[in-house]
Amino acid sequence: MTIARTSIKTIARAFARDEDGATAIEYGLFAALVGAVIVGTIATLGGQTNTGFTTMSDELTAQGIDAPTN
């Protein structure tokens, strides 16, 4: 084998064993998954919280208790 072919073979083997890029991609996918879960949770809880406050406001208004005006 020639020196160039041997060095290319050595570089190719080192590249195949290198897992830094794969690890970075895995961390990126994990971060995206965590972000998606956070957004979904906030969207769900935000809607439920809004519904709760609307229900309380309606009940207080029905009892004759209105919000103060400035």
PDB file of N, CA and C in Angstrom:
ATOM      1  N   MET A   1       0.840  -1.180   0.000  1.00  0.00           N
ATOM      2  CA  MET A   1       0.000   0.000   0.000  1.00  0.00           C
ATOM      3  C   MET A   1       0.883   1.241   0.000  1.00  0.00           C
ATOM      4  N   THR A   2       0.359   2.271  -0.612  1.00  0.00           N
ATOM      5  CA  THR A   2       1.108   3.521  -0.629  1.00  0.00           C
ATOM      6  C   THR A   2       0.878   4.267   0.672  1.00  0.00           C
ATOM      7  N   ILE A   3       1.720   5.249   0.898  1.00  0.00           N
ATOM      8  CA  ILE A   3       1.619   6.049   2.130  1.00  0.00           C
ATOM      9  C   ILE A   3       0.297   6.819   2.155  1.00  0.00           C
ATOM     10  N   ALA A   4      -0.104   7.375   1.023  1.00  0.00           N
ATOM     11  CA  ALA A   4      -1.355   8.143   0.966  1.00  0.00           C
ATOM     12  C   ALA A   4      -2.549   7.248   1.276  1.00  0.00           C
ATOM     13  N   ARG A   5      -2.547   6.054   0.715  1.00  0.00           N
ATOM     14  CA  ARG A   5      -3.654   5.134   0.954  1.00  0.00           C
ATOM     15  C   ARG A   5      -3.698   4.694   2.410  1.00  0.00           C
ATOM     16  N   THR A   6      -2.539   4.465   3.001  1.00  0.00           N
ATOM     17  CA  THR A   6      -2.463   4.077   4.410  1.00  0.00           C
ATOM     18  C   THR A   6      -2.960   5.209   5.304  1.00  0.00           C
ATOM     19  N   SER A   7      -2.559   6.439   5.006  1.00  0.00           N
ATOM     20  CA  SER A   7      -2.999   7.560   5.843  1.00  0.00           C
ATOM     21  C   SER A   7      -4.496   7.815   5.690  1.00  0.00           C
ATOM     22  N   ILE A   8      -5.028   7.649   4.484  1.00  0.00           N
ATOM     23  CA  ILE A   8      -6.478   7.811   4.278  1.00  0.00           C
ATOM     24  C   ILE A   8      -7.226   6.738   5.063  1.00  0.00           C
ATOM     25  N   LYS A   9      -6.699   5.530   5.033  1.00  0.00           N
ATOM     26  CA  LYS A   9      -7.328   4.429   5.771  1.00  0.00           C
ATOM     27  C   LYS A   9      -7.305   4.713   7.276  1.00  0.00           C
ATOM     28  N   THR A  10      -6.193   5.247   7.771  1.00  0.00           N
ATOM     29  CA  THR A  10      -6.065   5.590   9.188  1.00  0.00           C
ATOM     30  C   THR A  10      -7.051   6.700   9.564  1.00  0.00           C
ATOM     31  N   ILE A  11      -7.157   7.706   8.717  1.00  0.00           N
ATOM     32  CA  ILE A  11      -8.080   8.818   8.981  1.00  0.00           C
ATOM     33  C   ILE A  11      -9.523   8.322   8.953  1.00  0.00           C
ATOM     34  N   ALA A  12      -9.848   7.451   8.012  1.00  0.00           N
ATOM     35  CA  ALA A  12     -11.211   6.921   7.916  1.00  0.00           C
ATOM     36  C   ALA A  12     -11.568   6.107   9.151  1.00  0.00           C
ATOM     37  N   ARG A  13     -10.635   5.307   9.650  1.00  0.00           N
ATOM     38  CA  ARG A  13     -10.902   4.526  10.859  1.00  0.00           C
ATOM     39  C   ARG A  13     -11.099   5.438  12.069  1.00  0.00           C
ATOM     40  N   ALA A  14     -10.271   6.462  12.187  1.00  0.00           N
ATOM     41  CA  ALA A  14     -10.402   7.402  13.304  1.00  0.00           C
ATOM     42  C   ALA A  14     -11.748   8.131  13.229  1.00  0.00           C
ATOM     43  N   PHE A  15     -12.152   8.494  12.014  1.00  0.00           N
ATOM     44  CA  PHE A  15     -13.432   9.177  11.831  1.00  0.00           C
ATOM     45  C   PHE A  15     -14.591   8.268  12.210  1.00  0.00           C
ATOM     46  N   ALA A  16     -14.499   6.996  11.864  1.00  0.00           N
ATOM     47  CA  ALA A  16     -15.563   6.044  12.175  1.00  0.00           C
ATOM     48  C   ALA A  16     -15.684   5.810  13.677  1.00  0.00           C
ATOM     49  N   ARG A  17     -14.574   5.884  14.397  1.00  0.00           N
ATOM     50  CA  ARG A  17     -14.617   5.671  15.851  1.00  0.00           C
ATOM     51  C   ARG A  17     -15.011   6.926  16.613  1.00  0.00           C
ATOM     52  N   ASP A  18     -14.888   8.087  15.984  1.00  0.00           N
ATOM     53  CA  ASP A  18     -15.198   9.353  16.650  1.00  0.00           C
ATOM     54  C   ASP A  18     -16.698   9.479  16.836  1.00  0.00           C
ATOM     55  N   GLU A  19     -17.150   9.619  18.078  1.00  0.00           N
ATOM     56  CA  GLU A  19     -18.578   9.713  18.375  1.00  0.00           C
ATOM     57  C   GLU A  19     -18.985  11.087  18.884  1.00  0.00           C
ATOM     58  N   ASP A  20     -18.119  12.078  18.782  1.00  0.00           N
ATOM     59  CA  ASP A  20     -18.448  13.411  19.278  1.00  0.00           C
ATOM     60  C   ASP A  20     -19.630  14.011  18.526  1.00  0.00           C
ATOM     61  N   GLY A  21     -19.662  13.858  17.214  1.00  0.00           N
ATOM     62  CA  GLY A  21     -20.771  14.400  16.425  1.00  0.00           C
ATOM     63  C   GLY A  21     -22.086  13.725  16.768  1.00  0.00           C
ATOM     64  N   ALA A  22     -22.065  12.423  16.931  1.00  0.00           N
ATOM     65  CA  ALA A  22     -23.287  11.691  17.286  1.00  0.00           C
ATOM     66  C   ALA A  22     -23.786  12.112  18.655  1.00  0.00           C
ATOM     67  N   THR A  23     -22.886  12.319  19.580  1.00  0.00           N
ATOM     68  CA  THR A  23     -23.279  12.750  20.922  1.00  0.00           C
ATOM     69  C   THR A  23     -23.920  14.134  20.869  1.00  0.00           C
ATOM     70  N   ALA A  24     -23.352  15.036  20.087  1.00  0.00           N
ATOM     71  CA  ALA A  24     -23.918  16.379  19.963  1.00  0.00           C
ATOM     72  C   ALA A  24     -25.327  16.323  19.370  1.00  0.00           C
ATOM     73  N   ILE A  25     -25.522  15.469  18.378  1.00  0.00           N
ATOM     74  CA  ILE A  25     -26.857  15.331  17.774  1.00  0.00           C
ATOM     75  C   ILE A  25     -27.837  14.766  18.791  1.00  0.00           C
ATOM     76  N   GLU A  26     -27.401  13.795  19.569  1.00  0.00           N
ATOM     77  CA  GLU A  26     -28.284  13.216  20.591  1.00  0.00           C
ATOM     78  C   GLU A  26     -28.677  14.254  21.623  1.00  0.00           C
ATOM     79  N   TYR A  27     -27.713  15.062  22.063  1.00  0.00           N
ATOM     80  CA  TYR A  27     -28.041  16.122  23.022  1.00  0.00           C
ATOM     81  C   TYR A  27     -28.998  17.135  22.400  1.00  0.00           C
ATOM     82  N   GLY A  28     -28.817  17.456  21.140  1.00  0.00           N
ATOM     83  CA  GLY A  28     -29.713  18.388  20.463  1.00  0.00           C
ATOM     84  C   GLY A  28     -31.130  17.852  20.375  1.00  0.00           C
ATOM     85  N   LEU A  29     -31.260  16.567  20.037  1.00  0.00           N
ATOM     86  CA  LEU A  29     -32.590  15.956  19.977  1.00  0.00           C
ATOM     87  C   LEU A  29     -33.240  15.901  21.351  1.00  0.00           C
ATOM     88  N   PHE A  30     -32.456  15.600  22.371  1.00  0.00           N
ATOM     89  CA  PHE A  30     -32.989  15.562  23.731  1.00  0.00           C
ATOM     90  C   PHE A  30     -33.460  16.949  24.166  1.00  0.00           C
ATOM     91  N   ALA A  31     -32.677  17.979  23.852  1.00  0.00           N
ATOM     92  CA  ALA A  31     -33.067  19.346  24.209  1.00  0.00           C
ATOM     93  C   ALA A  31     -34.349  19.749  23.480  1.00  0.00           C
ATOM     94  N   ALA A  32     -34.486  19.352  22.220  1.00  0.00           N
ATOM     95  CA  ALA A  32     -35.705  19.662  21.468  1.00  0.00           C
ATOM     96  C   ALA A  32     -36.915  18.948  22.076  1.00  0.00           C
ATOM     97  N   LEU A  33     -36.726  17.709  22.501  1.00  0.00           N
ATOM     98  CA  LEU A  33     -37.813  16.962  23.133  1.00  0.00           C
ATOM     99  C   LEU A  33     -38.235  17.619  24.448  1.00  0.00           C
ATOM    100  N   VAL A  34     -37.268  18.008  25.258  1.00  0.00           N
ATOM    101  CA  VAL A  34     -37.579  18.678  26.525  1.00  0.00           C
ATOM    102  C   VAL A  34     -38.316  19.988  26.253  1.00  0.00           C
ATOM    103  N   GLY A  35     -37.873  20.733  25.260  1.00  0.00           N
ATOM    104  CA  GLY A  35     -38.550  21.981  24.908  1.00  0.00           C
ATOM    105  C   GLY A  35     -39.985  21.763  24.467  1.00  0.00           C
ATOM    106  N   ALA A  36     -40.202  20.725  23.674  1.00  0.00           N
ATOM    107  CA  ALA A  36     -41.560  20.428  23.212  1.00  0.00           C
ATOM    108  C   ALA A  36     -42.468  20.045  24.377  1.00  0.00           C
ATOM    109  N   VAL A  37     -41.938  19.289  25.328  1.00  0.00           N
ATOM    110  CA  VAL A  37     -42.730  18.905  26.503  1.00  0.00           C
ATOM    111  C   VAL A  37     -43.068  20.137  27.335  1.00  0.00           C
ATOM    112  N   ILE A  38     -42.113  21.028  27.504  1.00  0.00           N
ATOM    113  CA  ILE A  38     -42.353  22.252  28.283  1.00  0.00           C
ATOM    114  C   ILE A  38     -43.426  23.105  27.611  1.00  0.00           C
ATOM    115  N   VAL A  39     -43.327  23.286  26.303  1.00  0.00           N
ATOM    116  CA  VAL A  39     -44.321  24.094  25.584  1.00  0.00           C
ATOM    117  C   VAL A  39     -45.708  23.462  25.692  1.00  0.00           C
ATOM    118  N   GLY A  40     -45.789  22.151  25.527  1.00  0.00           N
ATOM    119  CA  GLY A  40     -47.078  21.474  25.639  1.00  0.00           C
ATOM    120  C   GLY A  40     -47.682  21.595  27.023  1.00  0.00           C
ATOM    121  N   THR A  41     -46.839  21.475  28.048  1.00  0.00           N
ATOM    122  CA  THR A  41     -47.319  21.584  29.427  1.00  0.00           C
ATOM    123  C   THR A  41     -47.815  22.990  29.723  1.00  0.00           C
ATOM    124  N   ILE A  42     -47.058  23.978  29.300  1.00  0.00           N
ATOM    125  CA  ILE A  42     -47.466  25.368  29.547  1.00  0.00           C
ATOM    126  C   ILE A  42     -48.755  25.687  28.805  1.00  0.00           C
ATOM    127  N   ALA A  43     -48.893  25.199  27.586  1.00  0.00           N
ATOM    128  CA  ALA A  43     -50.123  25.457  26.825  1.00  0.00           C
ATOM    129  C   ALA A  43     -51.325  24.829  27.526  1.00  0.00           C
ATOM    130  N   THR A  44     -51.163  23.616  28.025  1.00  0.00           N
ATOM    131  CA  THR A  44     -52.270  22.932  28.710  1.00  0.00           C
ATOM    132  C   THR A  44     -52.606  23.625  30.026  1.00  0.00           C
ATOM    133  N   LEU A  45     -51.592  23.872  30.840  1.00  0.00           N
ATOM    134  CA  LEU A  45     -51.843  24.503  32.138  1.00  0.00           C
ATOM    135  C   LEU A  45     -52.328  25.937  31.985  1.00  0.00           C
ATOM    136  N   GLY A  46     -51.854  26.629  30.959  1.00  0.00           N
ATOM    137  CA  GLY A  46     -52.310  28.005  30.726  1.00  0.00           C
ATOM    138  C   GLY A  46     -53.791  28.050  30.429  1.00  0.00           C
ATOM    139  N   GLY A  47     -54.255  27.131  29.609  1.00  0.00           N
ATOM    140  CA  GLY A  47     -55.684  27.077  29.294  1.00  0.00           C
ATOM    141  C   GLY A  47     -56.520  26.720  30.508  1.00  0.00           C
ATOM    142  N   GLN A  48     -56.045  25.770  31.303  1.00  0.00           N
ATOM    143  CA  GLN A  48     -56.779  25.370  32.502  1.00  0.00           C
ATOM    144  C   GLN A  48     -56.803  26.499  33.531  1.00  0.00           C
ATOM    145  N   THR A  49     -55.687  27.212  33.668  1.00  0.00           N
ATOM    146  CA  THR A  49     -55.634  28.331  34.610  1.00  0.00           C
ATOM    147  C   THR A  49     -56.581  29.435  34.180  1.00  0.00           C
ATOM    148  N   ASN A  50     -56.607  29.739  32.899  1.00  0.00           N
ATOM    149  CA  ASN A  50     -57.512  30.767  32.386  1.00  0.00           C
ATOM    150  C   ASN A  50     -58.965  30.373  32.633  1.00  0.00           C
ATOM    151  N   THR A  51     -59.290  29.107  32.396  1.00  0.00           N
ATOM    152  CA  THR A  51     -60.654  28.625  32.645  1.00  0.00           C
ATOM    153  C   THR A  51     -61.014  28.755  34.124  1.00  0.00           C
ATOM    154  N   GLY A  52     -60.087  28.431  35.003  1.00  0.00           N
ATOM    155  CA  GLY A  52     -60.332  28.541  36.444  1.00  0.00           C
ATOM    156  C   GLY A  52     -60.604  29.974  36.880  1.00  0.00           C
ATOM    157  N   PHE A  53     -59.782  30.917  36.392  1.00  0.00           N
ATOM    158  CA  PHE A  53     -59.989  32.312  36.763  1.00  0.00           C
ATOM    159  C   PHE A  53     -61.291  32.858  36.173  1.00  0.00           C
ATOM    160  N   THR A  54     -61.632  32.434  34.971  1.00  0.00           N
ATOM    161  CA  THR A  54     -62.897  32.873  34.372  1.00  0.00           C
ATOM    162  C   THR A  54     -64.078  32.351  35.174  1.00  0.00           C
ATOM    163  N   THR A  55     -64.009  31.107  35.603  1.00  0.00           N
ATOM    164  CA  THR A  55     -65.082  30.526  36.413  1.00  0.00           C
ATOM    165  C   THR A  55     -65.222  31.274  37.737  1.00  0.00           C
ATOM    166  N   MET A  56     -64.102  31.561  38.396  1.00  0.00           N
ATOM    167  CA  MET A  56     -64.162  32.301  39.669  1.00  0.00           C
ATOM    168  C   MET A  56     -64.730  33.697  39.459  1.00  0.00           C
ATOM    169  N   SER A  57     -64.316  34.359  38.389  1.00  0.00           N
ATOM    170  CA  SER A  57     -64.815  35.703  38.111  1.00  0.00           C
ATOM    171  C   SER A  57     -66.323  35.681  37.862  1.00  0.00           C
ATOM    172  N   ASP A  58     -66.774  34.703  37.093  1.00  0.00           N
ATOM    173  CA  ASP A  58     -68.213  34.595  36.828  1.00  0.00           C
ATOM    174  C   ASP A  58     -69.005  34.335  38.108  1.00  0.00           C
ATOM    175  N   GLU A  59     -68.490  33.465  38.974  1.00  0.00           N
ATOM    176  CA  GLU A  59     -69.171  33.154  40.237  1.00  0.00           C
ATOM    177  C   GLU A  59     -69.221  34.375  41.154  1.00  0.00           C
ATOM    178  N   LEU A  60     -68.123  35.109  41.239  1.00  0.00           N
ATOM    179  CA  LEU A  60     -68.106  36.310  42.080  1.00  0.00           C
ATOM    180  C   LEU A  60     -69.076  37.362  41.544  1.00  0.00           C
ATOM    181  N   THR A  61     -69.095  37.504  40.224  1.00  0.00           N
ATOM    182  CA  THR A  61     -70.041  38.457  39.622  1.00  0.00           C
ATOM    183  C   THR A  61     -71.478  38.023  39.889  1.00  0.00           C
ATOM    184  N   ALA A  62     -71.750  36.730  39.822  1.00  0.00           N
ATOM    185  CA  ALA A  62     -73.100  36.224  40.084  1.00  0.00           C
ATOM    186  C   ALA A  62     -73.511  36.466  41.529  1.00  0.00           C
ATOM    187  N   GLN A  63     -72.541  36.512  42.437  1.00  0.00           N
ATOM    188  CA  GLN A  63     -72.838  36.768  43.845  1.00  0.00           C
ATOM    189  C   GLN A  63     -72.900  38.266  44.151  1.00  0.00           C
ATOM    190  N   GLY A  64     -72.705  39.100  43.147  1.00  0.00           N
ATOM    191  CA  GLY A  64     -72.787  40.553  43.345  1.00  0.00           C
ATOM    192  C   GLY A  64     -71.477  41.174  43.738  1.00  0.00           C
ATOM    193  N   ILE A  65     -70.390  40.459  43.631  1.00  0.00           N
ATOM    194  CA  ILE A  65     -69.068  41.013  43.975  1.00  0.00           C
ATOM    195  C   ILE A  65     -68.371  41.362  42.660  1.00  0.00           C
ATOM    196  N   ASP A  66     -68.223  42.659  42.420  1.00  0.00           N
ATOM    197  CA  ASP A  66     -67.605  43.096  41.168  1.00  0.00           C
ATOM    198  C   ASP A  66     -66.172  43.543  41.419  1.00  0.00           C
ATOM    199  N   ALA A  67     -65.407  43.579  40.376  1.00  0.00           N
ATOM    200  CA  ALA A  67     -64.015  44.038  40.463  1.00  0.00           C
ATOM    201  C   ALA A  67     -64.015  45.536  40.723  1.00  0.00           C
ATOM    202  N   PRO A  68     -63.081  46.000  41.535  1.00  0.00           N
ATOM    203  CA  PRO A  68     -63.021  47.448  41.793  1.00  0.00           C
ATOM    204  C   PRO A  68     -62.618  48.213  40.547  1.00  0.00           C
ATOM    205  N   THR A  69     -63.157  49.394  40.385  1.00  0.00           N
ATOM    206  CA  THR A  69     -62.790  50.257  39.256  1.00  0.00           C
ATOM    207  C   THR A  69     -61.982  51.423  39.787  1.00  0.00           C
ATOM    208  N   ASN A  70     -61.059  51.887  38.982  1.00  0.00           N
ATOM    209  CA  ASN A  70     -60.197  52.998  39.408  1.00  0.00           C
ATOM    210  C   ASN A  70     -60.795  54.317  39.043  1.00  0.00           C
TER     211      ASN A  70
END
